[in-house]
């Protein structure tokens, strides 16, 4: 990927800090918090406020997506063309991609019922993976909803 070209295509100036943030986030397989991204880039000239500004600019123009994580933290990831939904285990952190989008019909129903135009939805479903559940009574996890 040509990061400079991607920024220019979206009307953003290709500053060194933005390029560092974009290069790092595009190398990841999982979303990251701004703080963790800043820590990963320490010594490369991007302070925390610059990382936040870069990420927010990327979200505004559609380069990145912002999601709310299981601990209510903001998570950022590269906005790939094909949205891939993930199952995320809250115990071991395992991430399993789901094929297709289970939300299309739900979003249409929401729009029809409320008139609210749905633009996006969270792509992560949190739970406990089969390995972590082994030997547990699964029914007990659904009772607390």
N, C-alpha and C. Protein backbone atom coordinates (compact mmCIF):
# COMPACT_ATOMS: atom_id res chain seq x y z
N UNK A 1 0.85 -1.20 0.00
CA UNK A 1 0.00 0.00 0.00
C UNK A 1 0.89 1.25 0.00
N UNK A 2 0.52 2.22 -0.79
CA UNK A 2 1.23 3.49 -0.81
C UNK A 2 0.51 4.45 0.15
N UNK A 3 1.07 4.60 1.35
CA UNK A 3 0.42 5.40 2.39
C UNK A 3 0.27 6.87 1.99
N UNK A 4 1.32 7.41 1.34
CA UNK A 4 1.24 8.83 0.93
C UNK A 4 0.09 9.04 -0.04
N UNK A 5 -0.04 8.14 -0.99
CA UNK A 5 -1.11 8.25 -1.99
C UNK A 5 -2.48 8.10 -1.33
N UNK A 6 -2.60 7.16 -0.40
CA UNK A 6 -3.86 6.95 0.30
C UNK A 6 -4.28 8.22 1.05
N UNK A 7 -3.34 8.86 1.73
CA UNK A 7 -3.66 10.10 2.45
C UNK A 7 -4.08 11.19 1.46
N UNK A 8 -3.34 11.34 0.38
CA UNK A 8 -3.68 12.37 -0.62
C UNK A 8 -5.06 12.13 -1.23
N UNK A 9 -5.36 10.85 -1.53
CA UNK A 9 -6.68 10.51 -2.11
C UNK A 9 -7.82 10.93 -1.19
N UNK A 10 -7.55 10.94 0.11
CA UNK A 10 -8.59 11.30 1.08
C UNK A 10 -8.46 12.75 1.55
N UNK A 11 -7.66 13.54 0.83
CA UNK A 11 -7.55 14.97 1.12
C UNK A 11 -6.73 15.30 2.35
N UNK A 12 -5.87 14.39 2.80
CA UNK A 12 -5.05 14.65 3.98
C UNK A 12 -3.60 14.85 3.57
N UNK A 13 -2.96 15.82 4.24
CA UNK A 13 -1.54 16.06 4.00
C UNK A 13 -0.73 14.89 4.56
N UNK A 14 0.24 14.43 3.80
CA UNK A 14 1.04 13.27 4.20
C UNK A 14 2.19 13.69 5.12
N UNK A 15 1.85 14.03 6.37
CA UNK A 15 2.90 14.39 7.33
C UNK A 15 3.61 13.12 7.80
N UNK A 16 4.81 13.27 8.32
CA UNK A 16 5.58 12.12 8.78
C UNK A 16 4.84 11.38 9.90
N UNK A 17 4.23 12.13 10.82
CA UNK A 17 3.50 11.51 11.94
C UNK A 17 2.32 10.69 11.42
N UNK A 18 1.55 11.26 10.49
CA UNK A 18 0.41 10.53 9.92
C UNK A 18 0.88 9.26 9.21
N UNK A 19 1.99 9.37 8.49
CA UNK A 19 2.52 8.20 7.78
C UNK A 19 2.95 7.11 8.76
N UNK A 20 3.57 7.51 9.87
CA UNK A 20 3.99 6.53 10.89
C UNK A 20 2.77 5.81 11.47
N UNK A 21 1.74 6.58 11.81
CA UNK A 21 0.52 6.00 12.38
C UNK A 21 -0.12 5.06 11.37
N UNK A 22 -0.24 5.51 10.13
CA UNK A 22 -0.89 4.71 9.09
C UNK A 22 -0.10 3.43 8.79
N UNK A 23 1.23 3.55 8.70
CA UNK A 23 2.06 2.36 8.45
C UNK A 23 1.88 1.33 9.55
N UNK A 24 1.89 1.80 10.80
CA UNK A 24 1.79 0.86 11.92
C UNK A 24 0.41 0.20 11.97
N UNK A 25 -0.64 1.02 11.85
CA UNK A 25 -2.00 0.47 11.97
C UNK A 25 -2.32 -0.47 10.80
N UNK A 26 -1.73 -0.21 9.64
CA UNK A 26 -1.99 -1.09 8.49
C UNK A 26 -1.26 -2.42 8.61
N UNK A 27 -0.29 -2.51 9.53
CA UNK A 27 0.45 -3.77 9.72
C UNK A 27 -0.23 -4.70 10.72
N UNK A 28 -1.29 -4.20 11.37
CA UNK A 28 -1.94 -4.97 12.44
C UNK A 28 -3.08 -5.83 11.93
N UNK A 29 -3.30 -6.94 12.63
CA UNK A 29 -4.45 -7.81 12.33
C UNK A 29 -5.62 -7.52 13.25
N UNK A 30 -5.38 -6.78 14.32
CA UNK A 30 -6.43 -6.52 15.31
C UNK A 30 -6.49 -5.02 15.60
N UNK A 31 -7.65 -4.51 16.02
CA UNK A 31 -7.76 -3.09 16.38
C UNK A 31 -6.83 -2.76 17.55
N UNK A 32 -6.51 -1.48 17.69
CA UNK A 32 -5.58 -1.03 18.74
C UNK A 32 -6.10 0.27 19.34
N UNK A 33 -5.78 0.52 20.61
CA UNK A 33 -6.13 1.79 21.24
C UNK A 33 -5.10 2.83 20.83
N UNK A 34 -5.48 4.10 20.94
CA UNK A 34 -4.55 5.18 20.61
C UNK A 34 -3.34 5.13 21.54
N UNK A 35 -3.57 4.80 22.82
CA UNK A 35 -2.47 4.74 23.79
C UNK A 35 -1.47 3.65 23.41
N UNK A 36 -1.96 2.47 23.06
CA UNK A 36 -1.06 1.38 22.67
C UNK A 36 -0.32 1.71 21.38
N UNK A 37 -1.01 2.37 20.47
CA UNK A 37 -0.38 2.79 19.22
C UNK A 37 0.73 3.79 19.52
N UNK A 38 0.45 4.75 20.40
CA UNK A 38 1.45 5.75 20.79
C UNK A 38 2.66 5.07 21.42
N UNK A 39 2.42 4.11 22.31
CA UNK A 39 3.53 3.38 22.94
C UNK A 39 4.37 2.64 21.90
N UNK A 40 3.71 2.05 20.91
CA UNK A 40 4.42 1.31 19.87
C UNK A 40 5.27 2.23 19.00
N UNK A 41 4.86 3.50 18.89
CA UNK A 41 5.57 4.44 18.03
C UNK A 41 6.53 5.35 18.80
N UNK A 42 6.73 5.08 20.08
CA UNK A 42 7.61 5.93 20.89
C UNK A 42 8.94 6.13 20.20
N UNK A 43 9.41 7.37 20.24
CA UNK A 43 10.69 7.67 19.63
C UNK A 43 10.62 7.96 18.14
N UNK A 44 9.40 7.94 17.58
CA UNK A 44 9.26 8.21 16.13
C UNK A 44 8.59 9.56 15.87
N UNK A 45 8.53 10.40 16.89
CA UNK A 45 8.08 11.77 16.69
C UNK A 45 6.58 12.00 16.74
N UNK A 46 5.79 11.02 17.17
CA UNK A 46 4.34 11.22 17.24
C UNK A 46 3.90 11.20 18.70
N UNK A 47 3.60 12.39 19.27
CA UNK A 47 3.12 12.40 20.65
C UNK A 47 1.67 11.93 20.68
N UNK A 48 1.15 11.72 21.89
CA UNK A 48 -0.19 11.12 22.03
C UNK A 48 -1.27 11.96 21.35
N UNK A 49 -1.20 13.29 21.50
CA UNK A 49 -2.24 14.12 20.87
C UNK A 49 -2.15 14.04 19.35
N UNK A 50 -0.95 13.91 18.81
CA UNK A 50 -0.78 13.76 17.36
C UNK A 50 -1.36 12.43 16.89
N UNK A 51 -1.14 11.38 17.68
CA UNK A 51 -1.71 10.06 17.35
C UNK A 51 -3.23 10.16 17.33
N UNK A 52 -3.81 10.78 18.37
CA UNK A 52 -5.28 10.95 18.42
C UNK A 52 -5.78 11.76 17.23
N UNK A 53 -5.12 12.87 16.94
CA UNK A 53 -5.56 13.71 15.81
C UNK A 53 -5.48 12.95 14.49
N UNK A 54 -4.39 12.21 14.32
CA UNK A 54 -4.22 11.42 13.08
C UNK A 54 -5.34 10.39 12.97
N UNK A 55 -5.57 9.65 14.04
CA UNK A 55 -6.60 8.60 14.01
C UNK A 55 -7.98 9.20 13.74
N UNK A 56 -8.29 10.32 14.41
CA UNK A 56 -9.60 10.95 14.20
C UNK A 56 -9.75 11.46 12.77
N UNK A 57 -8.67 11.99 12.20
CA UNK A 57 -8.71 12.41 10.78
C UNK A 57 -8.96 11.21 9.88
N UNK A 58 -8.28 10.09 10.18
CA UNK A 58 -8.44 8.88 9.38
C UNK A 58 -9.87 8.35 9.46
N UNK A 59 -10.47 8.43 10.66
CA UNK A 59 -11.85 7.96 10.83
C UNK A 59 -12.80 8.87 10.04
N UNK A 60 -12.59 10.19 10.13
CA UNK A 60 -13.46 11.15 9.43
C UNK A 60 -13.51 10.91 7.92
N UNK A 61 -12.35 10.56 7.33
CA UNK A 61 -12.31 10.39 5.87
C UNK A 61 -12.51 8.94 5.44
N UNK A 62 -12.62 8.02 6.40
CA UNK A 62 -12.91 6.63 6.07
C UNK A 62 -11.72 5.71 5.91
N UNK A 63 -10.51 6.19 6.23
CA UNK A 63 -9.33 5.33 6.14
C UNK A 63 -9.35 4.30 7.29
N UNK A 64 -9.78 4.76 8.46
CA UNK A 64 -9.83 3.88 9.64
C UNK A 64 -11.25 3.82 10.16
N UNK A 65 -11.49 2.79 10.97
CA UNK A 65 -12.77 2.70 11.67
C UNK A 65 -12.51 2.74 13.16
N UNK A 66 -13.47 3.30 13.89
CA UNK A 66 -13.37 3.37 15.35
C UNK A 66 -14.49 2.52 15.93
N UNK A 67 -14.12 1.64 16.85
CA UNK A 67 -15.10 0.77 17.50
C UNK A 67 -14.96 0.90 19.01
N UNK A 68 -15.97 0.47 19.72
CA UNK A 68 -15.92 0.43 21.18
C UNK A 68 -15.58 -1.00 21.58
N UNK A 69 -14.52 -1.15 22.36
CA UNK A 69 -14.06 -2.47 22.78
C UNK A 69 -14.81 -3.00 23.99
N UNK A 70 -14.46 -4.19 24.44
CA UNK A 70 -15.18 -4.83 25.55
C UNK A 70 -15.05 -4.08 26.88
N UNK A 71 -14.00 -3.28 27.04
CA UNK A 71 -13.82 -2.49 28.25
C UNK A 71 -14.18 -1.02 28.00
N UNK A 72 -15.02 -0.78 27.01
CA UNK A 72 -15.52 0.55 26.64
C UNK A 72 -14.41 1.48 26.13
N UNK A 73 -13.30 0.89 25.67
CA UNK A 73 -12.22 1.70 25.11
C UNK A 73 -12.41 1.87 23.61
N UNK A 74 -11.88 2.96 23.07
CA UNK A 74 -11.93 3.18 21.62
C UNK A 74 -10.84 2.36 20.96
N UNK A 75 -11.22 1.59 19.95
CA UNK A 75 -10.28 0.78 19.19
C UNK A 75 -10.27 1.24 17.75
N UNK A 76 -9.10 1.32 17.17
CA UNK A 76 -8.94 1.80 15.80
C UNK A 76 -8.35 0.70 14.93
N UNK A 77 -8.82 0.63 13.69
CA UNK A 77 -8.26 -0.33 12.74
C UNK A 77 -8.39 0.23 11.34
N UNK A 78 -7.56 -0.30 10.44
CA UNK A 78 -7.63 0.11 9.05
C UNK A 78 -8.97 -0.33 8.49
N UNK A 79 -9.63 0.55 7.75
CA UNK A 79 -10.93 0.25 7.17
C UNK A 79 -10.71 -0.48 5.86
N UNK A 80 -10.67 -1.79 5.92
CA UNK A 80 -10.47 -2.58 4.70
C UNK A 80 -11.77 -2.60 3.92
N UNK A 81 -11.67 -2.79 2.62
CA UNK A 81 -12.86 -2.77 1.76
C UNK A 81 -13.92 -3.76 2.26
N UNK A 82 -13.50 -4.97 2.52
CA UNK A 82 -14.42 -6.02 2.97
C UNK A 82 -14.46 -6.01 4.48
N UNK A 83 -15.59 -5.58 5.05
CA UNK A 83 -15.71 -5.59 6.51
C UNK A 83 -15.74 -7.04 6.97
N UNK A 84 -14.88 -7.34 7.89
CA UNK A 84 -14.86 -8.71 8.39
C UNK A 84 -15.29 -8.69 9.85
N UNK A 85 -16.32 -9.44 10.15
CA UNK A 85 -16.80 -9.52 11.51
C UNK A 85 -15.99 -10.54 12.27
N UNK A 86 -15.73 -10.25 13.54
CA UNK A 86 -14.87 -11.12 14.34
C UNK A 86 -15.59 -11.57 15.60
N UNK A 87 -15.37 -12.83 15.96
CA UNK A 87 -15.75 -13.32 17.28
C UNK A 87 -14.50 -13.16 18.14
N UNK A 88 -14.65 -12.55 19.31
CA UNK A 88 -13.51 -12.29 20.17
C UNK A 88 -13.74 -12.93 21.54
N UNK A 89 -12.80 -13.78 21.96
CA UNK A 89 -12.92 -14.43 23.27
C UNK A 89 -12.43 -13.46 24.35
N UNK A 90 -13.29 -13.20 25.34
CA UNK A 90 -12.94 -12.28 26.42
C UNK A 90 -11.94 -12.88 27.39
N UNK A 91 -11.73 -14.18 27.34
CA UNK A 91 -10.77 -14.81 28.25
C UNK A 91 -9.38 -14.89 27.67
N UNK A 92 -9.26 -15.49 26.46
CA UNK A 92 -7.92 -15.71 25.90
C UNK A 92 -7.57 -14.72 24.79
N UNK A 93 -8.56 -13.93 24.32
CA UNK A 93 -8.30 -12.94 23.28
C UNK A 93 -8.31 -13.49 21.86
N UNK A 94 -8.62 -14.79 21.71
CA UNK A 94 -8.66 -15.40 20.37
C UNK A 94 -9.66 -14.64 19.50
N UNK A 95 -9.31 -14.45 18.23
CA UNK A 95 -10.16 -13.75 17.27
C UNK A 95 -10.46 -14.69 16.12
N UNK A 96 -11.76 -14.91 15.84
CA UNK A 96 -12.17 -15.83 14.78
C UNK A 96 -13.04 -15.05 13.79
N UNK A 97 -12.62 -14.95 12.51
CA UNK A 97 -13.42 -14.21 11.53
C UNK A 97 -14.73 -14.93 11.20
N UNK A 98 -15.79 -14.14 11.03
CA UNK A 98 -17.09 -14.67 10.58
C UNK A 98 -17.20 -14.40 9.09
N UNK A 99 -17.70 -15.33 8.36
CA UNK A 99 -17.90 -15.12 6.93
C UNK A 99 -19.20 -14.35 6.71
N UNK A 100 -19.17 -13.40 5.79
CA UNK A 100 -20.37 -12.64 5.48
C UNK A 100 -20.72 -11.64 6.57
N UNK A 101 -21.83 -10.96 6.40
CA UNK A 101 -22.28 -9.97 7.37
C UNK A 101 -23.63 -10.37 7.94
N UNK A 102 -23.66 -10.70 9.23
CA UNK A 102 -24.93 -11.09 9.84
C UNK A 102 -25.85 -9.90 10.13
N UNK A 103 -25.39 -8.67 9.87
CA UNK A 103 -26.14 -7.49 10.28
C UNK A 103 -27.01 -6.86 9.20
N UNK A 104 -26.81 -7.22 7.92
CA UNK A 104 -27.54 -6.52 6.86
C UNK A 104 -29.05 -6.51 7.09
N UNK A 105 -29.63 -7.67 7.36
CA UNK A 105 -31.09 -7.73 7.56
C UNK A 105 -31.51 -6.97 8.81
N UNK A 106 -30.71 -7.08 9.87
CA UNK A 106 -31.02 -6.37 11.11
C UNK A 106 -31.00 -4.86 10.86
N UNK A 107 -29.99 -4.37 10.15
CA UNK A 107 -29.89 -2.94 9.86
C UNK A 107 -31.08 -2.47 9.03
N UNK A 108 -31.50 -3.27 8.06
CA UNK A 108 -32.67 -2.91 7.24
C UNK A 108 -33.92 -2.83 8.11
N UNK A 109 -34.08 -3.78 9.02
CA UNK A 109 -35.24 -3.78 9.91
C UNK A 109 -35.22 -2.56 10.82
N UNK A 110 -34.06 -2.19 11.32
CA UNK A 110 -33.92 -1.01 12.18
C UNK A 110 -34.31 0.24 11.39
N UNK A 111 -33.82 0.34 10.15
CA UNK A 111 -34.13 1.51 9.33
C UNK A 111 -35.63 1.60 9.06
N UNK A 112 -36.23 0.45 8.72
CA UNK A 112 -37.66 0.44 8.41
C UNK A 112 -38.50 0.81 9.63
N UNK A 113 -38.11 0.29 10.79
CA UNK A 113 -38.89 0.51 12.01
C UNK A 113 -38.71 1.91 12.57
N UNK A 114 -37.49 2.47 12.48
CA UNK A 114 -37.21 3.73 13.16
C UNK A 114 -37.00 4.92 12.23
N UNK A 115 -36.74 4.66 10.94
CA UNK A 115 -36.41 5.74 10.02
C UNK A 115 -34.96 6.19 10.18
N UNK A 116 -34.23 5.58 11.09
CA UNK A 116 -32.83 5.90 11.36
C UNK A 116 -31.97 5.25 10.29
N UNK A 117 -31.15 6.03 9.61
CA UNK A 117 -30.29 5.48 8.55
C UNK A 117 -29.00 4.95 9.18
N UNK A 118 -28.81 3.64 9.16
CA UNK A 118 -27.64 3.01 9.76
C UNK A 118 -26.46 3.14 8.81
N UNK A 119 -25.37 3.75 9.30
CA UNK A 119 -24.17 3.93 8.49
C UNK A 119 -23.11 2.88 8.79
N UNK A 120 -23.08 2.39 10.01
CA UNK A 120 -22.02 1.46 10.40
C UNK A 120 -22.50 0.65 11.59
N UNK A 121 -21.75 -0.39 11.90
CA UNK A 121 -22.06 -1.19 13.08
C UNK A 121 -20.77 -1.81 13.58
N UNK A 122 -20.76 -2.15 14.85
CA UNK A 122 -19.57 -2.76 15.43
C UNK A 122 -19.36 -4.13 14.81
N UNK A 123 -18.12 -4.46 14.52
CA UNK A 123 -17.85 -5.70 13.82
C UNK A 123 -17.30 -6.79 14.72
N UNK A 124 -17.35 -6.57 16.03
CA UNK A 124 -16.83 -7.59 16.94
C UNK A 124 -17.93 -8.09 17.85
N UNK A 125 -17.97 -9.40 18.02
CA UNK A 125 -18.94 -10.04 18.89
C UNK A 125 -18.13 -10.69 20.01
N UNK A 126 -18.42 -10.31 21.24
CA UNK A 126 -17.62 -10.77 22.37
C UNK A 126 -18.27 -11.96 23.04
N UNK A 127 -17.46 -12.90 23.43
CA UNK A 127 -17.95 -14.10 24.10
C UNK A 127 -16.79 -14.92 24.62
N UNK A 128 -17.03 -16.20 24.76
CA UNK A 128 -16.01 -17.11 25.27
C UNK A 128 -15.87 -18.26 24.28
N UNK A 129 -14.63 -18.51 23.85
CA UNK A 129 -14.39 -19.51 22.81
C UNK A 129 -14.56 -20.93 23.35
N UNK A 130 -14.73 -21.91 22.45
CA UNK A 130 -14.93 -23.31 22.86
C UNK A 130 -13.80 -23.85 23.75
N UNK A 131 -12.55 -23.45 23.46
CA UNK A 131 -11.44 -23.93 24.29
C UNK A 131 -11.57 -23.46 25.73
N UNK A 132 -11.93 -22.18 25.92
CA UNK A 132 -12.07 -21.64 27.27
C UNK A 132 -13.32 -22.18 27.97
N UNK A 133 -14.34 -22.55 27.18
CA UNK A 133 -15.59 -23.06 27.75
C UNK A 133 -15.54 -24.54 28.12
N UNK A 134 -14.55 -25.23 27.62
CA UNK A 134 -14.48 -26.67 27.81
C UNK A 134 -14.72 -27.05 29.27
N UNK A 135 -15.72 -27.89 29.47
CA UNK A 135 -16.02 -28.38 30.80
C UNK A 135 -16.93 -27.46 31.61
N UNK A 136 -17.34 -26.32 31.04
CA UNK A 136 -18.24 -25.42 31.77
C UNK A 136 -19.68 -25.63 31.33
N UNK A 137 -20.62 -25.21 32.18
CA UNK A 137 -22.04 -25.24 31.81
C UNK A 137 -22.33 -23.95 31.05
N UNK A 138 -22.47 -24.04 29.74
CA UNK A 138 -22.62 -22.87 28.86
C UNK A 138 -23.90 -22.09 29.17
N UNK A 139 -24.95 -22.76 29.58
CA UNK A 139 -26.23 -22.07 29.80
C UNK A 139 -26.10 -20.94 30.80
N UNK A 140 -25.22 -21.11 31.78
CA UNK A 140 -25.08 -20.11 32.83
C UNK A 140 -24.58 -18.77 32.28
N UNK A 141 -23.89 -18.75 31.13
CA UNK A 141 -23.39 -17.49 30.57
C UNK A 141 -24.49 -16.64 29.95
N UNK A 142 -25.61 -17.27 29.55
CA UNK A 142 -26.68 -16.52 28.89
C UNK A 142 -27.68 -15.95 29.89
N UNK A 143 -27.68 -16.44 31.11
CA UNK A 143 -28.70 -16.05 32.09
C UNK A 143 -28.54 -14.61 32.57
N UNK A 144 -27.37 -14.03 32.45
CA UNK A 144 -27.12 -12.71 33.00
C UNK A 144 -27.32 -11.58 32.00
N UNK A 145 -27.99 -11.83 30.92
CA UNK A 145 -28.19 -10.80 29.90
C UNK A 145 -29.33 -9.89 30.30
